[in-house]
N, C-alpha and C. Protein backbone atom coordinates (compact mmCIF):
# COMPACT_ATOMS: atom_id res chain seq x y z
N MET A 1 148.51 23.72 306.04
CA MET A 1 149.51 23.38 307.46
C MET A 1 148.29 23.72 308.48
N ALA A 2 147.97 23.19 309.35
CA ALA A 2 147.48 23.06 310.68
C ALA A 2 147.63 22.90 312.14
N VAL A 3 148.72 23.35 312.93
CA VAL A 3 149.15 23.17 313.85
C VAL A 3 148.09 22.82 314.94
N ASP A 4 148.23 21.97 315.71
CA ASP A 4 147.05 21.75 316.79
C ASP A 4 147.56 21.05 317.79
N GLU A 5 148.59 21.81 318.66
CA GLU A 5 149.29 21.56 319.62
C GLU A 5 149.24 22.73 321.00
N THR A 6 149.91 22.42 321.96
CA THR A 6 149.71 23.47 323.11
C THR A 6 150.92 24.26 322.72
N ILE A 7 150.71 25.18 323.05
CA ILE A 7 151.81 26.26 322.99
C ILE A 7 151.60 27.00 324.28
N GLN A 8 152.91 27.14 325.10
CA GLN A 8 152.83 27.52 326.24
C GLN A 8 153.46 29.28 326.33
N SER A 9 153.03 30.05 326.38
CA SER A 9 153.05 31.71 326.35
C SER A 9 154.36 31.90 327.57
N PRO A 10 154.75 32.59 327.17
CA PRO A 10 155.91 33.58 328.51
C PRO A 10 154.62 34.22 329.24
N PRO A 11 155.09 34.95 330.16
CA PRO A 11 154.44 35.57 331.29
C PRO A 11 153.83 37.31 330.25
N ASN A 12 154.39 37.33 329.21
CA ASN A 12 153.80 38.69 328.38
C ASN A 12 153.13 38.28 327.69
N GLY A 13 152.71 36.94 327.24
CA GLY A 13 151.52 36.55 326.36
C GLY A 13 151.92 36.33 324.91
N PHE A 14 153.08 36.81 324.64
CA PHE A 14 153.12 36.84 323.19
C PHE A 14 153.97 35.38 322.84
N ILE A 15 153.60 34.93 321.56
CA ILE A 15 153.76 33.16 321.45
C ILE A 15 154.55 33.88 319.77
N ASP A 16 155.81 32.77 319.60
CA ASP A 16 156.87 32.75 318.38
C ASP A 16 155.74 31.96 317.83
N LEU A 17 155.23 32.22 315.93
CA LEU A 17 155.12 31.25 315.17
C LEU A 17 155.52 31.77 314.00
N TRP A 18 156.42 30.60 313.55
CA TRP A 18 157.24 30.79 312.21
C TRP A 18 156.32 30.60 311.25
N LEU A 19 155.90 30.65 309.92
CA LEU A 19 155.19 30.78 308.93
C LEU A 19 155.95 30.75 307.84
N PRO A 20 155.74 29.62 306.81
CA PRO A 20 156.29 30.14 305.58
C PRO A 20 155.71 30.93 304.79
N ARG A 21 157.12 31.66 303.96
CA ARG A 21 156.90 33.04 303.16
C ARG A 21 155.83 32.88 302.15
N ASP A 22 155.44 33.65 301.22
CA ASP A 22 154.30 34.20 300.79
C ASP A 22 153.28 33.42 300.40
N LYS A 23 152.55 33.34 301.86
CA LYS A 23 151.26 32.48 301.95
C LYS A 23 150.25 33.48 302.66
N THR A 24 149.48 32.79 302.64
CA THR A 24 148.41 33.32 303.05
C THR A 24 147.46 32.39 304.04
N TYR A 25 147.10 32.99 305.98
CA TYR A 25 146.51 31.84 306.43
C TYR A 25 145.77 32.26 307.55
N HIS A 26 144.80 31.46 308.04
CA HIS A 26 143.75 31.51 308.87
C HIS A 26 144.13 31.03 310.18
N VAL A 27 144.13 32.32 311.02
CA VAL A 27 144.99 31.75 312.54
C VAL A 27 144.02 31.99 313.19
N THR A 28 143.68 30.88 314.12
CA THR A 28 142.46 30.87 315.35
C THR A 28 143.41 30.39 316.44
N ILE A 29 143.19 31.15 317.33
CA ILE A 29 143.75 31.04 319.38
C ILE A 29 142.64 30.73 319.84
N GLU A 30 142.70 29.63 320.71
CA GLU A 30 141.84 29.88 321.64
C GLU A 30 142.48 29.40 323.07
N HIS A 31 141.86 29.83 324.38
CA HIS A 31 142.22 29.46 325.52
C HIS A 31 141.08 29.81 326.31
N ASP A 32 140.81 28.83 327.09
CA ASP A 32 140.15 29.31 328.40
C ASP A 32 138.67 29.46 327.74
N GLY A 33 137.85 29.17 326.79
CA GLY A 33 136.80 29.51 326.17
C GLY A 33 136.95 31.11 325.20
N LYS A 34 138.11 31.49 325.25
CA LYS A 34 138.02 32.78 324.34
C LYS A 34 138.74 32.39 323.09
N THR A 35 138.23 33.06 322.32
CA THR A 35 138.71 32.90 320.71
C THR A 35 139.01 33.99 319.87
N VAL A 36 140.41 34.23 319.18
CA VAL A 36 140.66 35.38 318.33
C VAL A 36 141.20 34.71 317.22
N GLU A 37 140.64 35.47 316.08
CA GLU A 37 140.79 34.74 314.72
C GLU A 37 141.42 35.69 314.00
N SER A 38 142.60 35.97 312.97
CA SER A 38 142.61 36.25 312.23
C SER A 38 143.27 35.71 310.84
N GLU A 39 143.57 36.50 309.66
CA GLU A 39 144.02 35.90 308.62
C GLU A 39 145.32 36.88 308.55
N ILE A 40 146.48 36.35 308.65
CA ILE A 40 148.03 36.63 308.57
C ILE A 40 148.80 36.23 307.09
N SER A 41 149.24 36.96 306.25
CA SER A 41 149.95 36.58 305.30
C SER A 41 151.48 37.21 305.47
N THR A 42 152.15 36.20 304.61
CA THR A 42 153.61 36.66 304.76
C THR A 42 154.80 36.60 303.42
N PHE A 43 153.50 37.79 302.89
CA PHE A 43 154.24 37.94 301.20
C PHE A 43 155.42 39.48 301.54
N GLU A 44 156.40 39.55 300.69
CA GLU A 44 157.18 40.31 301.04
C GLU A 44 156.41 41.54 301.68
N GLY A 45 156.87 42.51 302.56
CA GLY A 45 155.97 43.63 302.98
C GLY A 45 155.10 43.47 304.14
N ASP A 46 154.77 42.47 304.15
CA ASP A 46 153.77 42.30 305.22
C ASP A 46 154.49 42.59 306.48
N ASP A 47 153.88 42.69 307.63
CA ASP A 47 154.04 42.77 309.18
C ASP A 47 154.94 41.11 310.03
N THR A 48 155.27 41.55 310.33
CA THR A 48 156.09 40.08 310.77
C THR A 48 155.90 39.57 312.79
N CYS A 49 155.65 40.86 312.62
CA CYS A 49 154.93 41.20 314.09
C CYS A 49 153.68 41.72 314.47
N ILE A 50 152.82 40.43 314.79
CA ILE A 50 151.10 41.05 314.67
C ILE A 50 151.10 40.85 316.39
N THR A 51 150.68 42.20 316.71
CA THR A 51 149.98 42.38 318.08
C THR A 51 148.25 42.45 318.41
N THR A 52 147.65 42.54 317.29
CA THR A 52 146.59 42.97 317.46
C THR A 52 145.52 42.06 317.50
N MET A 53 146.13 40.67 317.52
CA MET A 53 145.24 39.48 317.68
C MET A 53 145.44 39.45 319.62
N GLN A 54 143.90 39.42 320.61
CA GLN A 54 144.21 39.54 321.53
C GLN A 54 142.58 38.63 321.98
N LEU A 55 142.68 37.64 322.83
CA LEU A 55 141.82 36.87 323.59
C LEU A 55 140.79 38.12 324.31
N SER A 56 139.67 37.84 324.03
CA SER A 56 138.66 38.64 324.73
C SER A 56 137.27 37.69 325.00
């Protein structure tokens, strides 16, 4: 699954990205020359709100 589109965040910087259950994803977010990458999974018991991905 690849999402290659522009998503505008609200002023607080958070975005909603709904992913199908029971999978593992490699997520890369890029903006203005800054990049953050993380592996996110959607299995039972996994976090549903990821706040550790911060552009730096």
